Amino acid sequence: MHRKLCSIGNSQGVSIPREMIEKLKLSAGAELDITMDKSGQRIVLEPVKKKKYPKGIDREFVSQVNEFIEKYRPALKALAKG
């Protein structure tokens, strides 16, 4: 299936066929990850999978914990080796 690159404000984009949107159960405003394959020859779009947290778990807290882990990963690994 061929699509043309079109201007969208100061950016450029490609429309996604309705059949694909319906099959992936997407709607306007859905978040997508865009990457290139290892060869650098293909663009890959994937729906962002929202993580479901158990009742009582605050998403903001989880986000802060993840940021902490990323920031201090080397130190945490060194401590784990202890």
Protein backbone atom coordinates (compact mmCIF):
# COMPACT_ATOMS: atom_id res chain seq x y z
CA MET A 1 0.00 0.00 0.00
CA HIS A 2 1.47 3.35 -1.01
CA ARG A 3 1.08 6.62 0.90
CA LYS A 4 2.49 10.08 0.28
CA LEU A 5 4.42 12.12 2.81
CA CYS A 6 2.41 15.28 3.48
CA SER A 7 2.99 18.52 5.38
CA ILE A 8 1.43 18.80 8.83
CA GLY A 9 2.29 22.23 10.21
CA ASN A 10 6.10 22.40 10.43
CA SER A 11 6.37 18.61 10.31
CA GLN A 12 5.60 15.90 7.81
CA GLY A 13 3.46 12.82 8.22
CA VAL A 14 1.77 9.85 6.63
CA SER A 15 -1.86 8.85 7.02
CA ILE A 16 -2.59 5.36 8.34
CA PRO A 17 -5.27 3.38 6.51
CA ARG A 18 -8.57 2.99 8.40
CA GLU A 19 -8.38 -0.82 8.19
CA MET A 20 -5.06 -0.84 10.07
CA ILE A 21 -6.33 1.62 12.67
CA GLU A 22 -9.41 -0.53 13.29
CA LYS A 23 -7.39 -3.76 13.43
CA LEU A 24 -5.04 -2.23 16.04
CA LYS A 25 -8.01 -0.69 17.90
CA LEU A 26 -6.50 2.80 17.71
CA SER A 27 -8.24 6.15 17.73
CA ALA A 28 -7.30 9.80 17.33
CA GLY A 29 -4.80 10.76 20.03
CA ALA A 30 -3.43 7.22 20.45
CA GLU A 31 0.29 7.16 21.24
CA LEU A 32 2.66 5.37 18.87
CA ASP A 33 6.35 4.51 19.15
CA ILE A 34 8.30 5.15 15.97
CA THR A 35 11.63 3.40 15.40
CA MET A 36 13.81 2.24 12.53
CA ASP A 37 14.69 -1.37 12.02
CA LYS A 38 18.29 -2.51 12.46
CA SER A 39 19.07 -2.06 8.78
CA GLY A 40 17.87 1.56 8.90
CA GLN A 41 15.70 0.87 5.86
CA ARG A 42 12.25 0.56 7.47
CA ILE A 43 10.16 2.68 9.79
CA VAL A 44 8.29 0.74 12.47
CA LEU A 45 5.20 2.15 14.21
CA GLU A 46 3.89 0.37 17.30
CA PRO A 47 1.04 1.31 19.62
CA VAL A 48 2.30 2.34 23.06
CA LYS A 49 1.08 -0.25 25.52
CA LYS A 50 -0.25 1.43 28.62
CA LYS A 51 0.92 -0.33 31.74
CA LYS A 52 -1.84 -1.33 34.08
CA TYR A 53 -0.98 -0.91 37.71
CA PRO A 54 -2.65 -2.71 40.61
CA LYS A 55 -5.23 -0.74 42.51
CA GLY A 56 -3.60 1.76 44.86
CA ILE A 57 -0.37 2.14 42.86
CA ASP A 58 0.23 5.76 41.87
CA ARG A 59 1.53 6.21 38.30
CA GLU A 60 3.47 9.36 39.23
CA PHE A 61 5.30 7.43 41.97
CA VAL A 62 6.14 4.62 39.52
CA SER A 63 7.45 7.23 37.07
CA GLN A 64 9.66 8.78 39.76
CA VAL A 65 11.03 5.39 40.78
CA ASN A 66 11.83 4.55 37.14
CA GLU A 67 13.62 7.89 36.67
CA PHE A 68 15.64 7.25 39.85
CA ILE A 69 16.63 3.78 38.65
CA GLU A 70 17.73 5.08 35.24
CA LYS A 71 19.70 7.94 36.77
CA TYR A 72 21.51 5.80 39.33
CA ARG A 73 21.65 2.45 37.49
CA PRO A 74 25.48 2.11 37.61
CA ALA A 75 25.57 2.82 41.37
CA LEU A 76 22.68 0.44 42.01
CA LYS A 77 24.43 -2.32 40.05
CA ALA A 78 27.65 -1.75 42.02
CA LEU A 79 25.72 -1.93 45.29
CA ALA A 80 23.99 -5.14 44.20
CA LYS A 81 27.39 -6.79 43.64
CA GLY A 82 28.28 -5.72 47.18
